[in-house]
């Protein structure tokens, strides 16, 4: 596909004026989340059916004209696996994408197991994609020719892929279901994961005792400070397993850290002292000052509800096989728990259960209510 780098704000405006006349465009982003602390959009790829355009946000500072395109309801915007992109656009430009079509989500309604873009391009267009470019540093300039080629490839086939998938969805009567899910996906927003206490976003913290949580929180704050100063992603400073080891073992000397293999010798040399101080400070806290993990809202133990959960899961397995849709997508466990405890008796009541979609009520609502005994 032909492509063109946008060189100025004036040129971007002209291109965007033309894009507003299109019925459908494809969009993708490249970011540097694997290479720096504060991730940012590094390249914006846009394509019509015949040409691609590349916007370098390091050169074009004002992308408001493209924001207008993304927020225009009359132009379909095709993304693949849009969650990260939607959140990134919200974070960097406060964009509210309208008329989204996500080919990855759409594939879920078709029961397609291999939903990665590379797999879909191979299957539908016999195109091979080199995945190594997913991990390169897109913030570096100049961009290498093969990186540019890869970025264009990410949008070159999306409009045509949209046409193929949309036709399949229409034929099996699931296009409206997918459109509802696209609308929900377009509403996701960027979440800052660095709010205190940091352990709230740390997998496994909910199972820790209060003292271990105190150690973990201190270590997480040390990691965050180091990552900011070095401009590195958190995992390149200290891994989650290393933090978990220190939180449970609570080493108060360098030797203990090395013995527990919580840190490498290189890491000890760089920030072992700070980690030791963090553990020691947490160990010295009085019990009343120890943090506790926030209690999540839980349903009271209800044997009848537990029975309904088991029945709903069995129902889901049968319907999943029959409809050729992934069980967790058809009806996830959280929804099953809510339905079992609220025990709705009508389609209206089922639709009022938190997070239950209209398409789920239409597709399997009758089966759910029958399973519940109504």
Protein backbone atom coordinates (compact mmCIF):
# COMPACT_ATOMS: atom_id res chain seq x y z
CA UNK A 1 0.00 0.00 0.00
CA UNK A 2 1.18 3.51 -0.79
CA UNK A 3 1.97 5.57 2.28
CA UNK A 4 2.86 9.14 3.08
CA UNK A 5 4.34 10.81 6.13
CA UNK A 6 2.41 13.92 7.17
CA UNK A 7 4.95 16.75 7.24
CA UNK A 8 3.00 19.68 8.72
CA UNK A 9 -0.16 20.74 10.55
CA UNK A 10 -1.51 22.18 7.31
CA UNK A 11 -1.00 18.89 5.50
CA UNK A 12 -2.63 16.99 8.36
CA UNK A 13 -5.66 19.25 8.09
CA UNK A 14 -5.94 18.61 4.36
CA UNK A 15 -5.65 14.85 4.84
CA UNK A 16 -8.19 14.88 7.67
CA UNK A 17 -10.65 16.93 5.61
CA UNK A 18 -10.42 14.18 2.99
CA UNK A 19 -10.76 11.44 5.64
CA UNK A 20 -14.05 12.99 6.77
CA UNK A 21 -15.39 12.21 3.29
CA UNK A 22 -14.53 8.51 3.69
CA UNK A 23 -17.05 5.96 4.92
CA UNK A 24 -14.41 3.86 6.64
CA UNK A 25 -10.74 4.13 7.68
CA UNK A 26 -8.36 1.95 9.68
CA UNK A 27 -6.24 3.16 12.59
CA UNK A 28 -3.35 1.79 14.63
CA UNK A 29 -0.79 3.17 17.08
CA UNK A 30 2.78 2.34 18.01
CA UNK A 31 3.95 3.19 21.53
CA UNK A 32 7.05 2.80 23.70
CA UNK A 33 5.54 1.14 26.76
CA UNK A 34 8.25 -1.54 26.86
CA UNK A 35 11.11 0.94 26.85
CA UNK A 36 10.35 3.88 29.13
CA UNK A 37 8.55 4.80 32.34
CA UNK A 38 5.99 7.22 30.95
CA UNK A 39 4.60 5.56 27.85
CA UNK A 40 3.46 7.68 24.94
CA UNK A 41 2.13 7.34 21.43
CA UNK A 42 5.08 7.32 19.02
CA UNK A 43 3.40 6.83 15.66
CA UNK A 44 -0.16 7.02 14.34
CA UNK A 45 -1.06 4.97 11.28
CA UNK A 46 -4.20 5.72 9.26
CA UNK A 47 -5.37 4.05 6.07
CA UNK A 48 -8.17 4.32 3.57
CA UNK A 49 -8.80 1.52 1.10
CA UNK A 50 -6.04 2.84 -1.17
CA UNK A 51 -3.48 4.80 0.86
CA UNK A 52 -1.87 4.97 4.28
CA UNK A 53 -0.81 8.08 6.18
CA UNK A 54 1.72 8.19 9.02
CA UNK A 55 1.64 10.88 11.69
CA UNK A 56 4.72 11.35 13.84
CA UNK A 57 3.48 13.03 17.06
CA UNK A 58 7.06 14.07 17.82
CA UNK A 59 6.89 16.25 14.69
CA UNK A 60 3.17 17.08 14.46
CA UNK A 61 2.34 18.41 17.91
CA UNK A 62 -1.26 19.38 17.20
CA UNK A 63 -3.35 16.43 16.04
CA UNK A 64 -6.70 18.08 16.78
CA UNK A 65 -7.76 17.68 13.14
CA UNK A 66 -7.33 13.93 13.42
CA UNK A 67 -9.14 13.96 16.76
CA UNK A 68 -12.11 15.43 14.88
CA UNK A 69 -12.00 12.46 12.50
CA UNK A 70 -11.86 9.94 15.36
CA UNK A 71 -14.81 11.63 17.06
CA UNK A 72 -16.90 11.86 13.87
CA UNK A 73 -19.85 9.47 14.03
CA UNK A 74 -20.17 9.14 10.24
CA UNK A 75 -16.75 7.55 9.65
CA UNK A 76 -16.19 3.93 10.73
CA UNK A 77 -12.85 3.52 12.52
CA UNK A 78 -11.43 0.02 12.25
CA UNK A 79 -8.97 -1.02 14.97
CA UNK A 80 -7.64 -4.45 15.89
CA UNK A 81 -7.50 -5.11 19.64
CA UNK A 82 -8.35 -1.49 20.41
CA UNK A 83 -8.24 -1.52 24.21
CA UNK A 84 -4.66 -0.23 24.51
CA UNK A 85 -5.16 2.24 21.66
CA UNK A 86 -8.39 3.68 23.08
CA UNK A 87 -6.78 4.15 26.49
CA UNK A 88 -3.64 5.69 24.96
CA UNK A 89 -5.67 8.15 22.86
CA UNK A 90 -7.59 9.13 25.99
CA UNK A 91 -4.37 9.58 27.99
CA UNK A 92 -2.47 11.63 25.40
CA UNK A 93 -5.24 13.52 23.58
CA UNK A 94 -8.50 12.99 25.53
CA UNK A 95 -10.06 11.41 22.42
CA UNK A 96 -13.54 9.87 22.43
CA UNK A 97 -13.55 7.46 19.49
CA UNK A 98 -16.94 7.19 17.75
CA UNK A 99 -18.20 4.46 15.40
CA UNK A 100 -15.56 1.90 16.38
CA UNK A 101 -15.23 -1.50 14.71
CA UNK A 102 -12.77 -3.78 16.49
CA UNK A 103 -11.80 -6.77 14.35
CA UNK A 104 -10.42 -8.68 17.34
CA UNK A 105 -13.66 -8.37 19.31
CA UNK A 106 -15.64 -9.20 16.18
CA UNK A 107 -13.69 -12.44 15.82
CA UNK A 108 -14.85 -13.49 19.28
CA UNK A 109 -18.44 -13.49 18.03
CA UNK A 110 -17.34 -15.75 15.17
CA UNK A 111 -15.61 -18.23 17.47
CA UNK A 112 -12.22 -17.61 15.85
CA UNK A 113 -9.51 -18.95 18.18
CA UNK A 114 -6.41 -17.37 16.60
CA UNK A 115 -7.39 -13.71 16.75
CA UNK A 116 -3.97 -12.06 16.56
CA UNK A 117 -3.61 -9.72 13.59
CA UNK A 118 -0.69 -11.71 12.19
CA UNK A 119 -2.77 -14.90 12.20
CA UNK A 120 -5.74 -13.18 10.57
CA UNK A 121 -3.60 -11.60 7.84
CA UNK A 122 -2.03 -14.97 7.10
CA UNK A 123 -5.37 -16.74 7.01
CA UNK A 124 -7.24 -14.16 4.93
CA UNK A 125 -4.55 -12.61 2.72
CA UNK A 126 -1.61 -15.03 2.95
CA UNK A 127 0.51 -12.20 4.36
CA UNK A 128 3.36 -12.91 6.77
CA UNK A 129 4.08 -10.43 9.58
CA UNK A 130 7.37 -10.25 11.46
CA UNK A 131 6.38 -10.01 15.13
CA UNK A 132 9.81 -8.76 16.22
CA UNK A 133 8.73 -5.19 15.53
CA UNK A 134 6.14 -5.39 18.31
CA UNK A 135 8.98 -5.09 20.82
CA UNK A 136 11.20 -2.45 19.21
CA UNK A 137 11.57 1.06 20.64
CA UNK A 138 9.21 3.18 18.55
CA UNK A 139 10.41 6.37 20.25
CA UNK A 140 13.81 6.17 18.54
CA UNK A 141 14.38 8.29 15.47
CA UNK A 142 14.90 7.94 12.61
CA UNK A 143 12.50 5.05 12.09
CA UNK A 144 14.05 2.23 10.11
CA UNK A 145 12.49 1.43 6.70
CA UNK A 146 11.46 -2.06 7.85
CA UNK A 147 9.72 -0.55 10.91
CA UNK A 148 7.79 1.82 8.67
CA UNK A 149 6.82 -1.07 6.40
CA UNK A 150 5.61 -3.04 9.41
CA UNK A 151 3.57 -0.11 10.74
CA UNK A 152 1.86 0.39 7.38
CA UNK A 153 1.11 -3.33 7.24
CA UNK A 154 -0.81 -3.05 10.50
CA UNK A 155 -3.47 -0.87 8.82
CA UNK A 156 -3.15 -1.84 5.14
CA UNK A 157 -5.59 -4.77 5.33
CA UNK A 158 -7.91 -3.72 8.15
CA UNK A 159 -10.63 -2.19 5.96
CA UNK A 160 -10.78 -5.31 3.81
CA UNK A 161 -10.66 -7.50 6.92
CA UNK A 162 -13.56 -5.48 8.30
CA UNK A 163 -15.59 -6.23 5.16
CA UNK A 164 -14.93 -9.97 5.43
CA UNK A 165 -15.74 -10.18 9.15
CA UNK A 166 -18.76 -7.90 8.99
CA UNK A 167 -20.30 -10.04 6.24
CA UNK A 168 -19.82 -13.18 8.35
CA UNK A 169 -21.36 -11.50 11.40
CA UNK A 170 -24.33 -10.34 9.35
CA UNK A 171 -24.95 -13.82 7.93
CA UNK A 172 -25.17 -15.42 11.38
CA UNK A 173 -27.16 -12.56 12.91
CA UNK A 174 -24.48 -11.33 15.32
CA UNK A 175 -23.58 -7.95 13.85
CA UNK A 176 -25.78 -6.06 16.32
CA UNK A 177 -24.22 -8.03 19.17
CA UNK A 178 -20.75 -6.97 18.04
CA UNK A 179 -21.79 -3.33 17.58
CA UNK A 180 -22.97 -3.21 21.20
CA UNK A 181 -19.61 -4.55 22.36
CA UNK A 182 -17.79 -1.99 20.18
CA UNK A 183 -19.76 0.80 21.86
CA UNK A 184 -18.77 -0.49 25.29
CA UNK A 185 -15.12 -0.83 24.24
CA UNK A 186 -15.08 2.77 23.00
CA UNK A 187 -15.98 3.93 26.51
CA UNK A 188 -12.85 2.56 28.24
CA UNK A 189 -10.56 5.18 29.70
CA UNK A 190 -6.93 5.40 30.72
CA UNK A 191 -6.24 4.41 34.32
CA UNK A 192 -3.19 5.65 36.17
CA UNK A 193 -1.67 2.61 37.88
CA UNK A 194 0.57 4.69 40.15
CA UNK A 195 -1.98 5.83 42.70
CA UNK A 196 -1.34 5.02 46.37
CA UNK A 197 -1.34 2.48 47.80
CA UNK A 198 0.54 0.85 44.94
CA UNK A 199 -0.16 -2.68 46.17
CA UNK A 200 -3.80 -2.33 45.07
CA UNK A 201 -2.61 -2.88 41.48
CA UNK A 202 -0.18 -5.69 42.36
CA UNK A 203 -1.34 -9.20 41.54
CA UNK A 204 -1.24 -11.42 44.62
CA UNK A 205 -1.28 -8.59 47.17
CA UNK A 206 -4.80 -9.49 48.25
CA UNK A 207 -3.50 -12.74 49.78
CA UNK A 208 -0.75 -11.11 51.87
CA UNK A 209 -0.82 -10.41 55.59
CA UNK A 210 -0.54 -6.82 56.80
CA UNK A 211 3.21 -6.91 57.50
CA UNK A 212 3.99 -8.35 54.07
CA UNK A 213 1.80 -5.67 52.52
CA UNK A 214 3.83 -2.98 54.30
CA UNK A 215 7.07 -4.44 52.94
CA UNK A 216 5.58 -4.72 49.45
CA UNK A 217 4.29 -1.15 49.45
CA UNK A 218 7.68 0.26 50.48
CA UNK A 219 9.42 -1.77 47.79
CA UNK A 220 6.88 -0.74 45.16
CA UNK A 221 7.49 2.91 45.97
CA UNK A 222 11.26 2.37 45.70
CA UNK A 223 10.79 0.71 42.31
CA UNK A 224 8.53 3.52 41.13
CA UNK A 225 11.05 6.22 42.14
CA UNK A 226 13.93 4.40 40.41
CA UNK A 227 11.87 3.82 37.26
CA UNK A 228 10.97 7.51 37.07
CA UNK A 229 14.58 8.64 37.48
CA UNK A 230 15.93 6.11 34.98
CA UNK A 231 12.94 6.49 32.63
CA UNK A 232 12.50 2.74 32.46
CA UNK A 233 9.40 0.56 32.66
CA UNK A 234 8.82 -0.92 36.11
CA UNK A 235 9.58 -4.50 35.10
CA UNK A 236 13.05 -3.50 33.87
CA UNK A 237 13.91 -2.19 37.34
CA UNK A 238 12.57 -4.99 39.56
CA UNK A 239 10.38 -7.91 38.52
CA UNK A 240 7.13 -8.71 40.28
CA UNK A 241 8.42 -12.15 41.40
CA UNK A 242 11.44 -10.44 43.02
CA UNK A 243 9.15 -8.08 44.92
CA UNK A 244 6.93 -10.98 45.95
CA UNK A 245 9.95 -12.88 47.29
CA UNK A 246 11.11 -9.92 49.36
CA UNK A 247 7.60 -9.23 50.67
CA UNK A 248 7.26 -12.78 51.97
CA UNK A 249 10.86 -13.47 53.06
CA UNK A 250 11.50 -9.95 54.40
CA UNK A 251 15.31 -9.94 54.07
CA UNK A 252 16.87 -7.21 56.23
CA UNK A 253 20.43 -7.53 54.91
CA UNK A 254 22.07 -7.64 51.49
CA UNK A 255 23.31 -11.16 52.20
CA UNK A 256 19.78 -12.36 52.91
CA UNK A 257 18.55 -10.82 49.67
CA UNK A 258 21.22 -12.63 47.72
CA UNK A 259 20.57 -15.87 49.59
CA UNK A 260 16.84 -15.70 48.76
CA UNK A 261 17.76 -14.80 45.16
CA UNK A 262 15.45 -11.82 45.38
CA UNK A 263 18.06 -9.62 43.67
CA UNK A 264 20.98 -10.28 41.37
CA UNK A 265 24.46 -9.04 42.31
CA UNK A 266 24.08 -6.31 39.70
CA UNK A 267 20.76 -5.18 41.19
CA UNK A 268 22.23 -5.25 44.70
CA UNK A 269 24.96 -2.92 43.52
CA UNK A 270 22.44 -0.52 42.01
CA UNK A 271 19.67 -0.38 44.61
CA UNK A 272 20.11 -3.17 47.16
CA UNK A 273 20.63 -0.66 49.97
CA UNK A 274 17.33 1.08 49.23
CA UNK A 275 15.49 -2.24 49.19
CA UNK A 276 16.96 -3.24 52.54
CA UNK A 277 15.95 0.10 54.03
CA UNK A 278 12.42 -0.42 52.72
CA UNK A 279 12.11 -3.83 54.33
CA UNK A 280 13.61 -2.66 57.63
CA UNK A 281 11.29 0.36 57.80
CA UNK A 282 8.26 -1.84 57.18
CA UNK A 283 9.36 -4.29 59.85
CA UNK A 284 9.61 -1.45 62.39
CA UNK A 285 6.05 -0.22 61.87
CA UNK A 286 3.67 -0.67 64.79
CA UNK A 287 0.80 -3.03 64.09
CA UNK A 288 -1.76 -0.21 64.12
CA UNK A 289 0.14 1.50 61.30
CA UNK A 290 0.24 -1.52 58.98
CA UNK A 291 -1.77 -1.28 55.76
CA UNK A 292 -4.60 -3.66 54.94
CA UNK A 293 -5.91 -4.75 51.59
CA UNK A 294 -9.28 -3.14 50.73
CA UNK A 295 -12.14 -5.54 51.25
CA UNK A 296 -14.05 -6.29 48.10
CA UNK A 297 -17.81 -6.47 48.13
CA UNK A 298 -18.72 -10.10 48.51
CA UNK A 299 -22.05 -11.79 48.49
CA UNK A 300 -23.09 -13.51 51.69
CA UNK A 301 -22.65 -17.24 51.56
CA UNK A 302 -25.80 -18.59 50.00
CA UNK A 303 -26.08 -22.30 49.25
CA UNK A 304 -28.92 -21.79 46.79
CA UNK A 305 -26.86 -19.16 44.93
CA UNK A 306 -23.88 -21.54 44.82
CA UNK A 307 -26.13 -24.17 43.30
CA UNK A 308 -27.29 -21.67 40.67
CA UNK A 309 -23.66 -20.80 39.86
CA UNK A 310 -22.90 -24.45 39.14
CA UNK A 311 -26.00 -24.80 36.97
CA UNK A 312 -25.20 -21.60 35.05
CA UNK A 313 -21.65 -22.77 34.38
CA UNK A 314 -22.92 -26.08 33.01
CA UNK A 315 -25.39 -24.18 30.85
CA UNK A 316 -22.61 -21.91 29.63
CA UNK A 317 -20.43 -24.85 28.58
CA UNK A 318 -23.23 -26.35 26.50
CA UNK A 319 -24.15 -23.06 24.86
CA UNK A 320 -20.52 -22.19 24.25
CA UNK A 321 -20.05 -25.38 22.28
CA UNK A 322 -23.31 -24.95 20.42
CA UNK A 323 -22.71 -21.27 19.54
CA UNK A 324 -18.96 -21.73 18.99
CA UNK A 325 -18.07 -18.85 21.29
CA UNK A 326 -15.50 -18.78 24.05
CA UNK A 327 -17.22 -19.51 27.42
CA UNK A 328 -15.60 -16.56 29.21
CA UNK A 329 -16.73 -14.18 26.49
CA UNK A 330 -20.22 -15.59 26.23
CA UNK A 331 -20.75 -15.13 29.97
CA UNK A 332 -17.85 -14.51 32.34
CA UNK A 333 -17.66 -15.78 35.92
CA UNK A 334 -18.30 -12.37 37.48
CA UNK A 335 -21.55 -12.07 35.56
CA UNK A 336 -22.54 -15.62 36.52
CA UNK A 337 -21.95 -14.76 40.18
CA UNK A 338 -24.07 -11.60 39.97
CA UNK A 339 -26.88 -13.37 38.12
CA UNK A 340 -26.89 -16.27 40.59
CA UNK A 341 -27.14 -13.98 43.60
CA UNK A 342 -29.66 -11.51 42.15
CA UNK A 343 -31.69 -14.37 40.67
CA UNK A 344 -33.60 -12.36 38.03
CA UNK A 345 -36.93 -13.79 36.89
CA UNK A 346 -37.57 -11.73 33.74
CA UNK A 347 -35.50 -10.54 30.74
CA UNK A 348 -35.85 -6.97 32.06
CA UNK A 349 -34.43 -7.93 35.46
CA UNK A 350 -31.64 -9.91 33.78
CA UNK A 351 -30.69 -6.87 31.70
CA UNK A 352 -30.42 -4.81 34.90
CA UNK A 353 -27.74 -7.09 36.37
CA UNK A 354 -24.40 -5.25 36.40
CA UNK A 355 -22.33 -5.64 33.21
CA UNK A 356 -24.83 -7.93 31.49
CA UNK A 357 -25.15 -6.86 27.84
CA UNK A 358 -28.31 -6.57 25.80
CA UNK A 359 -26.87 -9.03 23.30
CA UNK A 360 -26.46 -11.58 26.09
CA UNK A 361 -30.08 -11.15 27.12
CA UNK A 362 -31.15 -11.64 23.51
CA UNK A 363 -28.77 -14.52 22.78
CA UNK A 364 -28.94 -16.61 25.93
CA UNK A 365 -31.38 -14.83 28.23
CA UNK A 366 -34.07 -17.46 27.81
CA UNK A 367 -31.57 -20.21 28.64
CA UNK A 368 -30.37 -18.32 31.73
CA UNK A 369 -33.89 -17.81 33.08
CA UNK A 370 -34.80 -21.42 32.37
CA UNK A 371 -31.68 -22.57 34.23
CA UNK A 372 -32.69 -20.39 37.17
CA UNK A 373 -36.08 -22.09 37.18
CA UNK A 374 -38.21 -19.38 35.60
